[in-house]
Amino acid sequence: MLRIDDLCVRYGAIEALRGISLQVAAGEIVTLIGGNGAGKSTLMRAIAGLVKPASGTITFEGRTITGIRPHHCVRLGIGHSPEGRLVFGDQSVRDNLMLGAYARDDSDAIASDIDKYFAVFPRLAERQDQQAGTLSGGEQQMLAIARALMSRPKLLLLDEPSLGLAPLIVKEVFAVIRQLREEGVTILLVEQMANLALTVADRAYVIETGRITLEGTGAQLLRDERVRSAYLGA
């Protein structure tokens, strides 16, 4: 579904990504792990059209999408739940979900999807008329994921969904990630909690200083001594 070949991204003189290549097949959860500043979020932003690569190609379902506008990415079927959530704080929970469906014109199905994600995230249903900026961090993360899903993406980019959340909320978020895979949503996941991320991953990549240094199945990387030492505290 997604193929990235020799991708480079620069911020001025800083080379954030240096020849990244990876693939995501339909129906997979693929996890990216790495330290702060490794380039994980830059890669997600490049896929979503928010950062223009200096070189290399991004291919989605056989179509080259390198450098296209973000709203075109959404229309093609790429949803993005960004690092830091970035909900529309002065808009209600319901309006945030409506904004996630801005590229759609099937109003009845949009209403049905809102009900669907209120069922998945009951806290959002309870707070549907509340301004998103007044939600807790966990509730905002749930909203960011639900908003991304409102575009009915084929590929969902999840960037640090557990960041800053209490353990109980993290457990809920990962239960939803597993449920989404069962529903056929393909997921590219950036996650600081490497143990959890590798447990749910079909395959995984390790990024260090803008390069991929390891790849394998989630189970293989969980057993890899280099990964255990650097990211699993073992």
Protein backbone atom coordinates (compact mmCIF):
# COMPACT_ATOMS: atom_id res chain seq x y z
CA MET A 1 0.00 0.00 0.00
CA LEU A 2 2.78 2.44 0.94
CA ARG A 3 6.32 2.42 -0.41
CA ILE A 4 9.05 4.91 0.44
CA ASP A 5 12.31 4.91 -1.49
CA ASP A 6 15.49 6.75 -0.53
CA LEU A 7 13.59 9.63 1.09
CA CYS A 8 15.53 12.67 2.27
CA VAL A 9 14.10 15.66 4.14
CA ARG A 10 16.05 18.75 5.13
CA TYR A 11 15.28 21.64 7.46
CA GLY A 12 17.75 24.20 6.20
CA ALA A 13 21.19 22.70 6.72
CA ILE A 14 19.85 19.92 8.93
CA GLU A 15 19.24 16.59 7.22
CA ALA A 16 16.32 15.10 9.17
CA LEU A 17 15.85 12.02 6.97
CA ARG A 18 18.74 10.46 5.11
CA GLY A 19 17.74 7.87 2.54
CA ILE A 20 14.78 6.26 4.27
CA SER A 21 13.21 3.26 2.51
CA LEU A 22 10.33 1.18 3.86
CA GLN A 23 7.10 -0.54 2.90
CA VAL A 24 3.67 -1.02 4.47
CA ALA A 25 1.37 -3.73 3.11
CA ALA A 26 -2.42 -3.52 3.25
CA GLY A 27 -3.79 -4.69 6.59
CA GLU A 28 -0.50 -4.41 8.47
CA ILE A 29 0.48 -2.52 11.58
CA VAL A 30 4.01 -1.27 10.99
CA THR A 31 5.79 0.42 13.88
CA LEU A 32 8.60 2.97 13.82
CA ILE A 33 10.70 3.24 16.97
CA GLY A 34 13.64 5.46 17.74
CA GLY A 35 14.87 8.14 20.09
CA ASN A 36 13.82 11.78 20.22
CA GLY A 37 14.97 13.63 17.11
CA ALA A 38 15.51 10.44 15.11
CA GLY A 39 13.19 11.62 12.32
CA LYS A 40 10.07 9.58 13.02
CA SER A 41 7.60 12.49 13.07
CA THR A 42 9.31 14.09 10.07
CA LEU A 43 8.68 10.90 8.12
CA MET A 44 5.01 10.90 9.11
CA ARG A 45 4.65 14.54 8.13
CA ALA A 46 6.28 13.87 4.76
CA ILE A 47 3.85 11.03 4.04
CA ALA A 48 0.93 13.28 5.02
CA GLY A 49 2.11 16.05 2.69
CA LEU A 50 3.05 18.46 5.48
CA VAL A 51 6.78 18.42 4.67
CA LYS A 52 8.24 18.50 1.17
CA PRO A 53 11.06 15.97 0.67
CA ALA A 54 14.36 17.07 -0.80
CA SER A 55 14.66 13.81 -2.74
CA GLY A 56 13.28 10.29 -2.90
CA THR A 57 9.76 9.05 -3.58
CA ILE A 58 6.60 8.22 -1.68
CA THR A 59 4.20 5.85 -3.44
CA PHE A 60 0.68 5.11 -2.21
CA GLU A 61 -1.34 2.36 -3.90
CA GLY A 62 0.93 2.57 -6.92
CA ARG A 63 0.66 6.36 -7.28
CA THR A 64 3.56 8.70 -6.61
CA ILE A 65 2.46 11.25 -3.99
CA THR A 66 5.81 12.83 -3.14
CA GLY A 67 5.25 16.45 -2.13
CA ILE A 68 1.51 16.65 -2.87
CA ARG A 69 -0.76 18.85 -0.77
CA PRO A 70 -2.08 17.47 2.55
CA HIS A 71 -5.76 17.66 1.54
CA HIS A 72 -4.97 15.58 -1.54
CA CYS A 73 -3.40 12.95 0.73
CA VAL A 74 -6.61 12.84 2.76
CA ARG A 75 -8.71 12.42 -0.37
CA LEU A 76 -6.48 9.55 -1.51
CA GLY A 77 -7.09 7.75 1.79
CA ILE A 78 -4.34 8.78 4.22
CA GLY A 79 -5.44 9.86 7.70
CA HIS A 80 -3.03 11.49 10.16
CA SER A 81 -3.29 11.67 13.95
CA PRO A 82 -0.34 13.97 14.65
CA GLU A 83 2.11 14.15 17.53
CA GLY A 84 0.75 16.51 20.16
CA ARG A 85 -2.88 15.79 19.12
CA LEU A 86 -3.46 19.28 17.62
CA VAL A 87 -7.20 19.24 18.17
CA PHE A 88 -9.15 22.41 17.37
CA GLY A 89 -9.36 23.65 20.94
CA ASP A 90 -12.06 26.28 20.45
CA GLN A 91 -14.35 23.86 18.62
CA SER A 92 -16.59 21.23 20.19
CA VAL A 93 -15.76 17.54 20.16
CA ARG A 94 -18.50 16.95 17.60
CA ASP A 95 -17.26 19.79 15.39
CA ASN A 96 -13.73 18.36 15.50
CA LEU A 97 -15.11 15.09 14.17
CA MET A 98 -17.07 16.92 11.48
CA LEU A 99 -13.86 18.69 10.44
CA GLY A 100 -12.18 15.30 10.11
CA ALA A 101 -14.76 14.44 7.46
CA TYR A 102 -14.36 17.68 5.48
CA ALA A 103 -13.39 15.81 2.29
CA ARG A 104 -16.61 13.76 2.34
CA ASP A 105 -20.11 14.70 1.19
CA ASP A 106 -22.08 11.68 2.44
CA SER A 107 -23.84 13.38 5.35
CA ASP A 108 -25.80 10.34 6.50
CA ALA A 109 -22.67 8.17 6.60
CA ILE A 110 -20.76 10.95 8.38
CA ALA A 111 -23.43 11.04 11.10
CA SER A 112 -23.23 7.25 11.34
CA ASP A 113 -19.44 7.37 11.70
CA ILE A 114 -19.69 9.97 14.47
CA ASP A 115 -22.02 7.61 16.36
CA LYS A 116 -19.59 4.76 15.67
CA TYR A 117 -16.62 6.57 17.20
CA PHE A 118 -18.69 7.82 20.12
CA ALA A 119 -19.33 4.12 20.80
CA VAL A 120 -15.61 3.35 20.50
CA PHE A 121 -14.70 6.31 22.73
CA PRO A 122 -17.59 6.78 25.19
CA ARG A 123 -15.84 9.71 26.88
CA LEU A 124 -16.13 11.68 23.65
CA ALA A 125 -19.86 11.00 23.52
CA GLU A 126 -20.21 12.33 27.07
CA ARG A 127 -18.31 15.49 26.11
CA GLN A 128 -19.51 15.95 22.54
CA ASP A 129 -20.62 19.56 23.07
CA GLN A 130 -17.57 20.49 25.15
CA GLN A 131 -14.72 22.54 23.68
CA ALA A 132 -11.88 20.22 22.73
CA GLY A 133 -9.31 22.44 24.43
CA THR A 134 -10.88 21.71 27.82
CA LEU A 135 -10.53 17.92 27.49
CA SER A 136 -7.90 15.92 29.35
CA GLY A 137 -4.82 14.76 27.46
CA GLY A 138 -6.22 11.27 27.09
CA GLU A 139 -9.53 12.55 25.80
CA GLN A 140 -7.77 14.81 23.31
CA GLN A 141 -5.77 11.82 22.05
CA MET A 142 -8.95 9.82 21.58
CA LEU A 143 -10.43 12.77 19.69
CA ALA A 144 -7.36 13.12 17.46
CA ILE A 145 -7.57 9.43 16.50
CA ALA A 146 -11.33 9.57 15.92
CA ARG A 147 -10.98 12.75 13.86
CA ALA A 148 -8.38 11.07 11.62
CA LEU A 149 -10.69 8.07 11.20
CA MET A 150 -13.57 10.30 10.11
CA SER A 151 -11.99 10.56 6.66
CA ARG A 152 -12.34 6.76 6.36
CA PRO A 153 -8.63 6.32 5.65
CA LYS A 154 -7.10 3.28 4.02
CA LEU A 155 -3.84 4.12 5.81
CA LEU A 156 -3.82 5.65 9.30
CA LEU A 157 -0.71 7.46 10.50
CA LEU A 158 -0.57 7.42 14.31
CA ASP A 159 2.18 9.61 15.74
CA GLU A 160 2.95 9.04 19.44
CA PRO A 161 -0.59 8.11 20.54
CA SER A 162 0.51 7.29 24.11
CA LEU A 163 2.56 10.44 24.71
CA GLY A 164 1.84 11.92 28.14
CA LEU A 165 -1.04 9.57 28.92
CA ALA A 166 -1.79 7.63 32.09
CA PRO A 167 -1.19 3.86 31.85
CA LEU A 168 -4.90 3.03 31.93
CA ILE A 169 -5.60 5.38 29.00
CA VAL A 170 -2.63 3.95 27.08
CA LYS A 171 -4.17 0.51 27.48
CA GLU A 172 -7.47 1.80 26.05
CA VAL A 173 -5.74 3.46 23.09
CA PHE A 174 -3.86 0.27 22.18
CA ALA A 175 -7.05 -1.76 22.47
CA VAL A 176 -8.53 0.56 19.84
CA ILE A 177 -5.44 0.12 17.63
CA ARG A 178 -5.92 -3.65 17.74
CA GLN A 179 -9.61 -3.24 16.95
CA LEU A 180 -8.83 -1.04 13.95
CA ARG A 181 -6.52 -3.69 12.52
CA GLU A 182 -9.30 -6.26 12.87
CA GLU A 183 -11.51 -3.88 10.87
CA GLY A 184 -8.93 -3.80 8.07
CA VAL A 185 -7.34 -0.38 8.67
CA THR A 186 -3.65 -0.30 7.75
CA ILE A 187 -1.62 1.53 10.39
CA LEU A 188 1.82 3.14 10.45
CA LEU A 189 2.58 3.74 14.12
CA VAL A 190 5.22 5.95 15.71
CA GLU A 191 5.40 5.17 19.40
CA GLN A 192 7.76 5.91 22.29
CA MET A 193 6.54 2.90 24.28
CA ALA A 194 8.52 0.43 22.22
CA ASN A 195 7.42 -2.68 24.11
CA LEU A 196 3.73 -2.00 23.46
CA ALA A 197 4.35 -0.88 19.90
CA LEU A 198 6.34 -3.99 18.96
CA THR A 199 3.76 -6.23 20.61
CA VAL A 200 1.00 -5.00 18.26
CA ALA A 201 3.24 -4.65 15.19
CA ASP A 202 3.37 -7.06 12.28
CA ARG A 203 6.66 -5.49 11.26
CA ALA A 204 8.85 -2.72 12.63
CA TYR A 205 11.70 -0.39 11.74
CA VAL A 206 14.24 1.31 14.00
CA ILE A 207 15.20 4.86 12.97
CA GLU A 208 18.35 6.49 14.30
CA THR A 209 19.57 9.95 13.22
CA GLY A 210 17.42 9.92 10.10
CA ARG A 211 18.36 6.42 8.92
CA ILE A 212 16.77 3.01 9.28
CA THR A 213 19.20 0.81 11.19
CA LEU A 214 17.10 -2.29 11.88
CA GLU A 215 13.96 -3.92 10.54
CA GLY A 216 12.05 -7.12 11.12
CA THR A 217 8.85 -8.49 12.55
CA GLY A 218 7.61 -7.03 15.81
CA ALA A 219 8.49 -10.31 17.56
CA GLN A 220 12.03 -10.33 16.11
CA LEU A 221 12.78 -6.81 17.29
CA LEU A 222 11.33 -7.55 20.72
CA ARG A 223 13.99 -10.26 21.05
CA ASP A 224 16.83 -8.26 19.50
CA GLU A 225 19.44 -7.43 22.14
CA ARG A 226 20.25 -4.06 20.56
CA VAL A 227 16.58 -3.03 20.67
CA ARG A 228 16.14 -4.39 24.19
CA SER A 229 19.16 -2.45 25.43
CA ALA A 230 18.34 0.84 23.67
CA TYR A 231 14.55 0.99 23.86
CA LEU A 232 13.14 -1.64 26.20
CA GLY A 233 15.25 -1.04 29.28
CA ALA A 234 16.44 -4.64 29.29
